[in-house]
Amino acid sequence: MREMSKNQVCIDACQKCAIACEQCLTAMIDKDSDNDCPHCCRECIDLCLLCAQAMARDNRFAEAICELCAEACEWCAQQCGAHDHDHCQACAKACRECVDACRAMAA
């Protein structure tokens, strides 16, 4: 099996994170939250998709976008991770994985 490039690992992590955030956002949309979940999910979705697109086309700003994406995902992981819901925990996990992949890309 071919080793995936750092670029592809990050694209995959961003796409996985966007999907997990979309599911969390959908599940939380009509629920009360004591923190920024589900609002952080909306921001995270947009930045993860932008980040994946930037890397796919080798955008000159990809590293900066990766760093911004990592910051948003870190915030979202904290917010969603504070809830016991399975979808929030899955979202937080995907966000943490995205943080690691984006920081590796931005380094």
PDB file of N, CA and C in Angstrom:
ATOM      1  N   MET A   1       0.834  -1.188   0.000  1.00  0.00           N
ATOM      2  CA  MET A   1       0.000   0.000   0.000  1.00  0.00           C
ATOM      3  C   MET A   1       0.880   1.255   0.000  1.00  0.00           C
ATOM      4  N   ARG A   2       0.544   2.202  -0.820  1.00  0.00           N
ATOM      5  CA  ARG A   2       1.279   3.448  -0.943  1.00  0.00           C
ATOM      6  C   ARG A   2       1.088   4.311   0.297  1.00  0.00           C
ATOM      7  N   GLU A   3       2.159   4.930   0.751  1.00  0.00           N
ATOM      8  CA  GLU A   3       2.051   5.844   1.889  1.00  0.00           C
ATOM      9  C   GLU A   3       1.366   7.123   1.421  1.00  0.00           C
ATOM     10  N   MET A   4       0.389   7.572   2.205  1.00  0.00           N
ATOM     11  CA  MET A   4      -0.331   8.795   1.839  1.00  0.00           C
ATOM     12  C   MET A   4       0.549  10.004   2.107  1.00  0.00           C
ATOM     13  N   SER A   5       0.441  10.988   1.236  1.00  0.00           N
ATOM     14  CA  SER A   5       1.174  12.232   1.441  1.00  0.00           C
ATOM     15  C   SER A   5       0.572  12.984   2.633  1.00  0.00           C
ATOM     16  N   LYS A   6       1.386  13.833   3.208  1.00  0.00           N
ATOM     17  CA  LYS A   6       0.930  14.677   4.318  1.00  0.00           C
ATOM     18  C   LYS A   6      -0.276  15.504   3.873  1.00  0.00           C
ATOM     19  N   ASN A   7      -0.230  15.940   2.623  1.00  0.00           N
ATOM     20  CA  ASN A   7      -1.325  16.696   2.026  1.00  0.00           C
ATOM     21  C   ASN A   7      -2.626  15.892   2.042  1.00  0.00           C
ATOM     22  N   GLN A   8      -2.562  14.652   1.583  1.00  0.00           N
ATOM     23  CA  GLN A   8      -3.756  13.810   1.505  1.00  0.00           C
ATOM     24  C   GLN A   8      -4.279  13.453   2.888  1.00  0.00           C
ATOM     25  N   VAL A   9      -3.383  13.215   3.831  1.00  0.00           N
ATOM     26  CA  VAL A   9      -3.789  12.927   5.213  1.00  0.00           C
ATOM     27  C   VAL A   9      -4.588  14.108   5.767  1.00  0.00           C
ATOM     28  N   CYS A  10      -4.118  15.309   5.503  1.00  0.00           N
ATOM     29  CA  CYS A  10      -4.791  16.507   5.997  1.00  0.00           C
ATOM     30  C   CYS A  10      -6.133  16.721   5.282  1.00  0.00           C
ATOM     31  N   ILE A  11      -6.163  16.515   3.977  1.00  0.00           N
ATOM     32  CA  ILE A  11      -7.424  16.635   3.235  1.00  0.00           C
ATOM     33  C   ILE A  11      -8.454  15.662   3.806  1.00  0.00           C
ATOM     34  N   ASP A  12      -8.038  14.419   4.022  1.00  0.00           N
ATOM     35  CA  ASP A  12      -8.954  13.409   4.566  1.00  0.00           C
ATOM     36  C   ASP A  12      -9.436  13.780   5.964  1.00  0.00           C
ATOM     37  N   ALA A  13      -8.528  14.281   6.811  1.00  0.00           N
ATOM     38  CA  ALA A  13      -8.899  14.674   8.177  1.00  0.00           C
ATOM     39  C   ALA A  13      -9.884  15.839   8.151  1.00  0.00           C
ATOM     40  N   CYS A  14      -9.661  16.785   7.231  1.00  0.00           N
ATOM     41  CA  CYS A  14     -10.566  17.933   7.116  1.00  0.00           C
ATOM     42  C   CYS A  14     -11.956  17.497   6.653  1.00  0.00           C
ATOM     43  N   GLN A  15     -12.006  16.600   5.685  1.00  0.00           N
ATOM     44  CA  GLN A  15     -13.301  16.122   5.197  1.00  0.00           C
ATOM     45  C   GLN A  15     -14.039  15.327   6.278  1.00  0.00           C
ATOM     46  N   LYS A  16     -13.309  14.483   6.985  1.00  0.00           N
ATOM     47  CA  LYS A  16     -13.917  13.703   8.068  1.00  0.00           C
ATOM     48  C   LYS A  16     -14.446  14.629   9.170  1.00  0.00           C
ATOM     49  N   CYS A  17     -13.673  15.654   9.476  1.00  0.00           N
ATOM     50  CA  CYS A  17     -14.074  16.604  10.509  1.00  0.00           C
ATOM     51  C   CYS A  17     -15.316  17.387  10.080  1.00  0.00           C
ATOM     52  N   ALA A  18     -15.340  17.834   8.830  1.00  0.00           N
ATOM     53  CA  ALA A  18     -16.507  18.583   8.336  1.00  0.00           C
ATOM     54  C   ALA A  18     -17.771  17.741   8.443  1.00  0.00           C
ATOM     55  N   ILE A  19     -17.668  16.457   8.127  1.00  0.00           N
ATOM     56  CA  ILE A  19     -18.830  15.573   8.216  1.00  0.00           C
ATOM     57  C   ILE A  19     -19.258  15.381   9.670  1.00  0.00           C
ATOM     58  N   ALA A  20     -18.313  15.148  10.559  1.00  0.00           N
ATOM     59  CA  ALA A  20     -18.639  14.971  11.982  1.00  0.00           C
ATOM     60  C   ALA A  20     -19.266  16.246  12.554  1.00  0.00           C
ATOM     61  N   CYS A  21     -18.753  17.388  12.152  1.00  0.00           N
ATOM     62  CA  CYS A  21     -19.325  18.665  12.613  1.00  0.00           C
ATOM     63  C   CYS A  21     -20.725  18.863  12.052  1.00  0.00           C
ATOM     64  N   GLU A  22     -20.933  18.485  10.813  1.00  0.00           N
ATOM     65  CA  GLU A  22     -22.265  18.601  10.194  1.00  0.00           C
ATOM     66  C   GLU A  22     -23.272  17.739  10.953  1.00  0.00           C
ATOM     67  N   GLN A  23     -22.863  16.536  11.333  1.00  0.00           N
ATOM     68  CA  GLN A  23     -23.749  15.644  12.085  1.00  0.00           C
ATOM     69  C   GLN A  23     -24.030  16.187  13.477  1.00  0.00           C
ATOM     70  N   CYS A  24     -23.018  16.744  14.108  1.00  0.00           N
ATOM     71  CA  CYS A  24     -23.188  17.340  15.434  1.00  0.00           C
ATOM     72  C   CYS A  24     -24.104  18.556  15.357  1.00  0.00           C
ATOM     73  N   LEU A  25     -23.854  19.406  14.382  1.00  0.00           N
ATOM     74  CA  LEU A  25     -24.680  20.596  14.184  1.00  0.00           C
ATOM     75  C   LEU A  25     -26.140  20.215  13.973  1.00  0.00           C
ATOM     76  N   THR A  26     -26.380  19.235  13.138  1.00  0.00           N
ATOM     77  CA  THR A  26     -27.745  18.783  12.858  1.00  0.00           C
ATOM     78  C   THR A  26     -28.416  18.252  14.122  1.00  0.00           C
ATOM     79  N   ALA A  27     -27.678  17.485  14.912  1.00  0.00           N
ATOM     80  CA  ALA A  27     -28.236  16.910  16.138  1.00  0.00           C
ATOM     81  C   ALA A  27     -28.489  17.975  17.209  1.00  0.00           C
ATOM     82  N   MET A  28     -27.679  19.034  17.211  1.00  0.00           N
ATOM     83  CA  MET A  28     -27.771  20.043  18.267  1.00  0.00           C
ATOM     84  C   MET A  28     -28.595  21.264  17.882  1.00  0.00           C
ATOM     85  N   ILE A  29     -29.008  21.354  16.655  1.00  0.00           N
ATOM     86  CA  ILE A  29     -29.616  22.578  16.131  1.00  0.00           C
ATOM     87  C   ILE A  29     -30.779  23.120  16.977  1.00  0.00           C
ATOM     88  N   ASP A  30     -31.620  22.263  17.511  1.00  0.00           N
ATOM     89  CA  ASP A  30     -32.765  22.719  18.304  1.00  0.00           C
ATOM     90  C   ASP A  30     -32.582  22.496  19.803  1.00  0.00           C
ATOM     91  N   LYS A  31     -31.377  22.122  20.200  1.00  0.00           N
ATOM     92  CA  LYS A  31     -31.119  21.854  21.616  1.00  0.00           C
ATOM     93  C   LYS A  31     -30.425  23.050  22.266  1.00  0.00           C
ATOM     94  N   ASP A  32     -30.656  23.189  23.558  1.00  0.00           N
ATOM     95  CA  ASP A  32     -29.945  24.206  24.317  1.00  0.00           C
ATOM     96  C   ASP A  32     -28.532  23.723  24.596  1.00  0.00           C
ATOM     97  N   SER A  33     -27.605  24.639  24.565  1.00  0.00           N
ATOM     98  CA  SER A  33     -26.220  24.309  24.857  1.00  0.00           C
ATOM     99  C   SER A  33     -25.676  25.349  25.818  1.00  0.00           C
ATOM    100  N   ASP A  34     -24.850  24.904  26.740  1.00  0.00           N
ATOM    101  CA  ASP A  34     -24.277  25.819  27.723  1.00  0.00           C
ATOM    102  C   ASP A  34     -22.934  26.385  27.261  1.00  0.00           C
ATOM    103  N   ASN A  35     -22.571  26.103  26.005  1.00  0.00           N
ATOM    104  CA  ASN A  35     -21.339  26.659  25.448  1.00  0.00           C
ATOM    105  C   ASN A  35     -21.535  26.944  23.953  1.00  0.00           C
ATOM    106  N   ASP A  36     -20.469  27.021  23.197  1.00  0.00           N
ATOM    107  CA  ASP A  36     -20.558  27.414  21.791  1.00  0.00           C
ATOM    108  C   ASP A  36     -20.896  26.283  20.818  1.00  0.00           C
ATOM    109  N   CYS A  37     -21.123  25.069  21.311  1.00  0.00           N
ATOM    110  CA  CYS A  37     -21.634  23.999  20.462  1.00  0.00           C
ATOM    111  C   CYS A  37     -23.124  24.295  20.272  1.00  0.00           C
ATOM    112  N   PRO A  38     -23.666  24.357  19.127  1.00  0.00           N
ATOM    113  CA  PRO A  38     -23.225  23.940  17.803  1.00  0.00           C
ATOM    114  C   PRO A  38     -22.637  25.054  16.948  1.00  0.00           C
ATOM    115  N   HIS A  39     -22.509  26.265  17.495  1.00  0.00           N
ATOM    116  CA  HIS A  39     -22.008  27.383  16.692  1.00  0.00           C
ATOM    117  C   HIS A  39     -20.590  27.133  16.178  1.00  0.00           C
ATOM    118  N   CYS A  40     -19.774  26.503  17.014  1.00  0.00           N
ATOM    119  CA  CYS A  40     -18.405  26.223  16.582  1.00  0.00           C
ATOM    120  C   CYS A  40     -18.397  25.244  15.409  1.00  0.00           C
ATOM    121  N   CYS A  41     -19.370  24.344  15.372  1.00  0.00           N
ATOM    122  CA  CYS A  41     -19.448  23.373  14.279  1.00  0.00           C
ATOM    123  C   CYS A  41     -19.605  24.071  12.932  1.00  0.00           C
ATOM    124  N   ARG A  42     -20.438  25.086  12.892  1.00  0.00           N
ATOM    125  CA  ARG A  42     -20.665  25.821  11.635  1.00  0.00           C
ATOM    126  C   ARG A  42     -19.360  26.427  11.125  1.00  0.00           C
ATOM    127  N   GLU A  43     -18.611  27.053  12.022  1.00  0.00           N
ATOM    128  CA  GLU A  43     -17.335  27.666  11.636  1.00  0.00           C
ATOM    129  C   GLU A  43     -16.332  26.602  11.207  1.00  0.00           C
ATOM    130  N   CYS A  44     -16.310  25.531  11.937  1.00  0.00           N
ATOM    131  CA  CYS A  44     -15.376  24.441  11.660  1.00  0.00           C
ATOM    132  C   CYS A  44     -15.660  23.805  10.293  1.00  0.00           C
ATOM    133  N   ILE A  45     -16.911  23.595   9.973  1.00  0.00           N
ATOM    134  CA  ILE A  45     -17.289  23.017   8.680  1.00  0.00           C
ATOM    135  C   ILE A  45     -16.731  23.881   7.552  1.00  0.00           C
ATOM    136  N   ASP A  46     -16.997  25.165   7.609  1.00  0.00           N
ATOM    137  CA  ASP A  46     -16.552  26.068   6.549  1.00  0.00           C
ATOM    138  C   ASP A  46     -15.033  26.061   6.394  1.00  0.00           C
ATOM    139  N   LEU A  47     -14.317  26.134   7.517  1.00  0.00           N
ATOM    140  CA  LEU A  47     -12.859  26.183   7.445  1.00  0.00           C
ATOM    141  C   LEU A  47     -12.259  24.849   7.022  1.00  0.00           C
ATOM    142  N   CYS A  48     -12.836  23.749   7.462  1.00  0.00           N
ATOM    143  CA  CYS A  48     -12.332  22.431   7.052  1.00  0.00           C
ATOM    144  C   CYS A  48     -12.489  22.230   5.542  1.00  0.00           C
ATOM    145  N   LEU A  49     -13.637  22.621   5.007  1.00  0.00           N
ATOM    146  CA  LEU A  49     -13.856  22.472   3.567  1.00  0.00           C
ATOM    147  C   LEU A  49     -12.936  23.402   2.780  1.00  0.00           C
ATOM    148  N   LEU A  50     -12.769  24.623   3.249  1.00  0.00           N
ATOM    149  CA  LEU A  50     -11.860  25.555   2.602  1.00  0.00           C
ATOM    150  C   LEU A  50     -10.427  25.011   2.627  1.00  0.00           C
ATOM    151  N   CYS A  51     -10.036  24.472   3.751  1.00  0.00           N
ATOM    152  CA  CYS A  51      -8.694  23.925   3.920  1.00  0.00           C
ATOM    153  C   CYS A  51      -8.458  22.759   2.953  1.00  0.00           C
ATOM    154  N   ALA A  52      -9.398  21.838   2.873  1.00  0.00           N
ATOM    155  CA  ALA A  52      -9.277  20.698   1.966  1.00  0.00           C
ATOM    156  C   ALA A  52      -9.180  21.174   0.519  1.00  0.00           C
ATOM    157  N   GLN A  53      -9.988  22.144   0.155  1.00  0.00           N
ATOM    158  CA  GLN A  53      -9.955  22.683  -1.200  1.00  0.00           C
ATOM    159  C   GLN A  53      -8.618  23.363  -1.492  1.00  0.00           C
ATOM    160  N   ALA A  54      -8.125  24.130  -0.548  1.00  0.00           N
ATOM    161  CA  ALA A  54      -6.860  24.838  -0.734  1.00  0.00           C
ATOM    162  C   ALA A  54      -5.710  23.859  -0.941  1.00  0.00           C
ATOM    163  N   MET A  55      -5.701  22.802  -0.167  1.00  0.00           N
ATOM    164  CA  MET A  55      -4.643  21.810  -0.318  1.00  0.00           C
ATOM    165  C   MET A  55      -4.783  21.031  -1.621  1.00  0.00           C
ATOM    166  N   ALA A  56      -5.995  20.730  -2.014  1.00  0.00           N
ATOM    167  CA  ALA A  56      -6.222  19.976  -3.241  1.00  0.00           C
ATOM    168  C   ALA A  56      -5.721  20.727  -4.467  1.00  0.00           C
ATOM    169  N   ARG A  57      -5.791  22.047  -4.420  1.00  0.00           N
ATOM    170  CA  ARG A  57      -5.335  22.824  -5.578  1.00  0.00           C
ATOM    171  C   ARG A  57      -3.983  23.483  -5.327  1.00  0.00           C
ATOM    172  N   ASP A  58      -3.309  23.057  -4.250  1.00  0.00           N
ATOM    173  CA  ASP A  58      -1.972  23.554  -3.922  1.00  0.00           C
ATOM    174  C   ASP A  58      -1.953  25.080  -3.845  1.00  0.00           C
ATOM    175  N   ASN A  59      -2.928  25.606  -3.138  1.00  0.00           N
ATOM    176  CA  ASN A  59      -3.096  27.044  -2.964  1.00  0.00           C
ATOM    177  C   ASN A  59      -1.904  27.636  -2.220  1.00  0.00           C
ATOM    178  N   ARG A  60      -1.472  28.797  -2.629  1.00  0.00           N
ATOM    179  CA  ARG A  60      -0.315  29.436  -1.994  1.00  0.00           C
ATOM    180  C   ARG A  60      -0.567  29.789  -0.529  1.00  0.00           C
ATOM    181  N   PHE A  61      -1.824  29.866  -0.102  1.00  0.00           N
ATOM    182  CA  PHE A  61      -2.159  30.196   1.279  1.00  0.00           C
ATOM    183  C   PHE A  61      -2.545  28.964   2.108  1.00  0.00           C
ATOM    184  N   ALA A  62      -2.325  27.780   1.562  1.00  0.00           N
ATOM    185  CA  ALA A  62      -2.774  26.543   2.219  1.00  0.00           C
ATOM    186  C   ALA A  62      -2.234  26.408   3.646  1.00  0.00           C
ATOM    187  N   GLU A  63      -0.963  26.726   3.856  1.00  0.00           N
ATOM    188  CA  GLU A  63      -0.398  26.592   5.205  1.00  0.00           C
ATOM    189  C   GLU A  63      -1.083  27.521   6.195  1.00  0.00           C
ATOM    190  N   ALA A  64      -1.347  28.745   5.787  1.00  0.00           N
ATOM    191  CA  ALA A  64      -2.024  29.701   6.669  1.00  0.00           C
ATOM    192  C   ALA A  64      -3.464  29.253   6.937  1.00  0.00           C
ATOM    193  N   ILE A  65      -4.112  28.744   5.907  1.00  0.00           N
ATOM    194  CA  ILE A  65      -5.482  28.245   6.075  1.00  0.00           C
ATOM    195  C   ILE A  65      -5.482  27.040   7.007  1.00  0.00           C
ATOM    196  N   CYS A  66      -4.478  26.175   6.880  1.00  0.00           N
ATOM    197  CA  CYS A  66      -4.357  25.018   7.776  1.00  0.00           C
ATOM    198  C   CYS A  66      -4.222  25.458   9.234  1.00  0.00           C
ATOM    199  N   GLU A  67      -3.441  26.481   9.471  1.00  0.00           N
ATOM    200  CA  GLU A  67      -3.253  26.968  10.841  1.00  0.00           C
ATOM    201  C   GLU A  67      -4.563  27.534  11.396  1.00  0.00           C
ATOM    202  N   LEU A  68      -5.273  28.298  10.586  1.00  0.00           N
ATOM    203  CA  LEU A  68      -6.568  28.836  11.009  1.00  0.00           C
ATOM    204  C   LEU A  68      -7.573  27.707  11.252  1.00  0.00           C
ATOM    205  N   CYS A  69      -7.564  26.727  10.373  1.00  0.00           N
ATOM    206  CA  CYS A  69      -8.445  25.568  10.527  1.00  0.00           C
ATOM    207  C   CYS A  69      -8.138  24.835  11.835  1.00  0.00           C
ATOM    208  N   ALA A  70      -6.867  24.678  12.134  1.00  0.00           N
ATOM    209  CA  ALA A  70      -6.463  24.013  13.382  1.00  0.00           C
ATOM    210  C   ALA A  70      -6.988  24.770  14.599  1.00  0.00           C
ATOM    211  N   GLU A  71      -6.922  26.092  14.556  1.00  0.00           N
ATOM    212  CA  GLU A  71      -7.435  26.905  15.671  1.00  0.00           C
ATOM    213  C   GLU A  71      -8.937  26.709  15.849  1.00  0.00           C
ATOM    214  N   ALA A  72      -9.669  26.714  14.744  1.00  0.00           N
ATOM    215  CA  ALA A  72     -11.124  26.529  14.818  1.00  0.00           C
ATOM    216  C   ALA A  72     -11.461  25.137  15.326  1.00  0.00           C
ATOM    217  N   CYS A  73     -10.738  24.147  14.857  1.00  0.00           N
ATOM    218  CA  CYS A  73     -10.998  22.765  15.281  1.00  0.00           C
ATOM    219  C   CYS A  73     -10.655  22.555  16.755  1.00  0.00           C
ATOM    220  N   GLU A  74      -9.619  23.233  17.222  1.00  0.00           N
ATOM    221  CA  GLU A  74      -9.254  23.145  18.634  1.00  0.00           C
ATOM    222  C   GLU A  74     -10.377  23.703  19.506  1.00  0.00           C
ATOM    223  N   TRP A  75     -10.914  24.849  19.101  1.00  0.00           N
ATOM    224  CA  TRP A  75     -12.046  25.473  19.801  1.00  0.00           C
ATOM    225  C   TRP A  75     -13.253  24.535  19.780  1.00  0.00           C
ATOM    226  N   CYS A  76     -13.544  23.984  18.619  1.00  0.00           N
ATOM    227  CA  CYS A  76     -14.706  23.106  18.487  1.00  0.00           C
ATOM    228  C   CYS A  76     -14.532  21.836  19.318  1.00  0.00           C
ATOM    229  N   ALA A  77     -13.322  21.281  19.344  1.00  0.00           N
ATOM    230  CA  ALA A  77     -13.058  20.079  20.146  1.00  0.00           C
ATOM    231  C   ALA A  77     -13.315  20.348  21.627  1.00  0.00           C
ATOM    232  N   GLN A  78     -12.929  21.519  22.096  1.00  0.00           N
ATOM    233  CA  GLN A  78     -13.165  21.879  23.494  1.00  0.00           C
ATOM    234  C   GLN A  78     -14.663  22.010  23.772  1.00  0.00           C
ATOM    235  N   GLN A  79     -15.369  22.706  22.884  1.00  0.00           N
ATOM    236  CA  GLN A  79     -16.794  22.956  23.101  1.00  0.00           C
ATOM    237  C   GLN A  79     -17.608  21.665  23.020  1.00  0.00           C
ATOM    238  N   CYS A  80     -17.439  20.924  21.952  1.00  0.00           N
ATOM    239  CA  CYS A  80     -18.218  19.696  21.763  1.00  0.00           C
ATOM    240  C   CYS A  80     -17.778  18.607  22.736  1.00  0.00           C
ATOM    241  N   GLY A  81     -16.482  18.588  23.043  1.00  0.00           N
ATOM    242  CA  GLY A  81     -15.961  17.593  23.980  1.00  0.00           C
ATOM    243  C   GLY A  81     -16.516  17.740  25.387  1.00  0.00           C
ATOM    244  N   ALA A  82     -17.060  18.891  25.702  1.00  0.00           N
ATOM    245  CA  ALA A  82     -17.642  19.125  27.027  1.00  0.00           C
ATOM    246  C   ALA A  82     -19.014  18.482  27.185  1.00  0.00           C
ATOM    247  N   HIS A  83     -19.596  18.012  26.082  1.00  0.00           N
ATOM    248  CA  HIS A  83     -20.917  17.374  26.122  1.00  0.00           C
ATOM    249  C   HIS A  83     -20.795  15.854  26.073  1.00  0.00           C
ATOM    250  N   ASP A  84     -21.757  15.186  26.692  1.00  0.00           N
ATOM    251  CA  ASP A  84     -21.748  13.721  26.755  1.00  0.00           C
ATOM    252  C   ASP A  84     -22.379  13.046  25.537  1.00  0.00           C
ATOM    253  N   HIS A  85     -23.044  13.800  24.684  1.00  0.00           N
ATOM    254  CA  HIS A  85     -23.706  13.211  23.523  1.00  0.00           C
ATOM    255  C   HIS A  85     -22.686  12.486  22.647  1.00  0.00           C
ATOM    256  N   ASP A  86     -23.084  11.340  22.093  1.00  0.00           N
ATOM    257  CA  ASP A  86     -22.188  10.587  21.213  1.00  0.00           C
ATOM    258  C   ASP A  86     -21.740  11.423  20.015  1.00  0.00           C
ATOM    259  N   HIS A  87     -22.678  12.189  19.425  1.00  0.00           N
ATOM    260  CA  HIS A  87     -22.326  12.995  18.259  1.00  0.00           C
ATOM    261  C   HIS A  87     -21.339  14.093  18.619  1.00  0.00           C
ATOM    262  N   CYS A  88     -21.452  14.655  19.810  1.00  0.00           N
ATOM    263  CA  CYS A  88     -20.500  15.679  20.251  1.00  0.00           C
ATOM    264  C   CYS A  88     -19.123  15.070  20.495  1.00  0.00           C
ATOM    265  N   GLN A  89     -19.095  13.891  21.089  1.00  0.00           N
ATOM    266  CA  GLN A  89     -17.817  13.222  21.333  1.00  0.00           C
ATOM    267  C   GLN A  89     -17.148  12.821  20.024  1.00  0.00           C
ATOM    268  N   ALA A  90     -17.943  12.350  19.047  1.00  0.00           N
ATOM    269  CA  ALA A  90     -17.401  11.997  17.732  1.00  0.00           C
ATOM    270  C   ALA A  90     -16.870  13.246  17.030  1.00  0.00           C
ATOM    271  N   CYS A  91     -17.574  14.343  17.169  1.00  0.00           N
ATOM    272  CA  CYS A  91     -17.157  15.614  16.580  1.00  0.00           C
ATOM    273  C   CYS A  91     -15.836  16.068  17.207  1.00  0.00           C
ATOM    274  N   ALA A  92     -15.759  16.026  18.521  1.00  0.00           N
ATOM    275  CA  ALA A  92     -14.545  16.444  19.220  1.00  0.00           C
ATOM    276  C   ALA A  92     -13.348  15.593  18.803  1.00  0.00           C
ATOM    277  N   LYS A  93     -13.553  14.307  18.647  1.00  0.00           N
ATOM    278  CA  LYS A  93     -12.475  13.400  18.226  1.00  0.00           C
ATOM    279  C   LYS A  93     -12.004  13.746  16.815  1.00  0.00           C
ATOM    280  N   ALA A  94     -12.939  13.944  15.903  1.00  0.00           N
ATOM    281  CA  ALA A  94     -12.582  14.305  14.527  1.00  0.00           C
ATOM    282  C   ALA A  94     -11.876  15.659  14.493  1.00  0.00           C
ATOM    283  N   CYS A  95     -12.314  16.577  15.335  1.00  0.00           N
ATOM    284  CA  CYS A  95     -11.668  17.889  15.409  1.00  0.00           C
ATOM    285  C   CYS A  95     -10.230  17.769  15.901  1.00  0.00           C
ATOM    286  N   ARG A  96     -10.000  16.961  16.925  1.00  0.00           N
ATOM    287  CA  ARG A  96      -8.636  16.784  17.442  1.00  0.00           C
ATOM    288  C   ARG A  96      -7.730  16.168  16.379  1.00  0.00           C
ATOM    289  N   GLU A  97      -8.253  15.205  15.632  1.00  0.00           N
ATOM    290  CA  GLU A  97      -7.467  14.586  14.561  1.00  0.00           C
ATOM    291  C   GLU A  97      -7.161  15.611  13.463  1.00  0.00           C
ATOM    292  N   CYS A  98      -8.106  16.470  13.183  1.00  0.00           N
ATOM    293  CA  CYS A  98      -7.910  17.516  12.185  1.00  0.00           C
ATOM    294  C   CYS A  98      -6.871  18.533  12.663  1.00  0.00           C
ATOM    295  N   VAL A  99      -6.901  18.873  13.932  1.00  0.00           N
ATOM    296  CA  VAL A  99      -5.901  19.781  14.498  1.00  0.00           C
ATOM    297  C   VAL A  99      -4.504  19.214  14.250  1.00  0.00           C
ATOM    298  N   ASP A 100      -4.312  17.936  14.568  1.00  0.00           N
ATOM    299  CA  ASP A 100      -2.994  17.315  14.402  1.00  0.00           C
ATOM    300  C   ASP A 100      -2.549  17.339  12.944  1.00  0.00           C
ATOM    301  N   ALA A 101      -3.460  16.991  12.041  1.00  0.00           N
ATOM    302  CA  ALA A 101      -3.131  16.942  10.602  1.00  0.00           C
ATOM    303  C   ALA A 101      -2.845  18.340  10.056  1.00  0.00           C
ATOM    304  N   CYS A 102      -3.646  19.318  10.463  1.00  0.00           N
ATOM    305  CA  CYS A 102      -3.444  20.691   9.989  1.00  0.00           C
ATOM    306  C   CYS A 102      -2.165  21.293  10.533  1.00  0.00           C
ATOM    307  N   ARG A 103      -1.860  21.031  11.785  1.00  0.00           N
ATOM    308  CA  ARG A 103      -0.611  21.566  12.368  1.00  0.00           C
ATOM    309  C   ARG A 103       0.601  20.927  11.692  1.00  0.00           C
ATOM    310  N   ALA A 104       0.503  19.644  11.363  1.00  0.00           N
ATOM    311  CA  ALA A 104       1.595  18.983  10.640  1.00  0.00           C
ATOM    312  C   ALA A 104       1.776  19.610   9.257  1.00  0.00           C
ATOM    313  N   MET A 105       0.685  19.953   8.602  1.00  0.00           N
ATOM    314  CA  MET A 105       0.741  20.574   7.287  1.00  0.00           C
ATOM    315  C   MET A 105       1.329  21.981   7.376  1.00  0.00           C
ATOM    316  N   ALA A 106       0.925  22.718   8.391  1.00  0.00           N
ATOM    317  CA  ALA A 106       1.339  24.115   8.526  1.00  0.00           C
ATOM    318  C   ALA A 106       2.789  24.245   8.990  1.00  0.00           C
ATOM    319  N   ALA A 107       3.331  23.184   9.548  1.00  0.00           N
ATOM    320  CA  ALA A 107       4.711  23.235  10.094  1.00  0.00           C
ATOM    321  C   ALA A 107       5.755  23.347   9.004  1.00  0.00           C
TER     322      ALA A 107
END
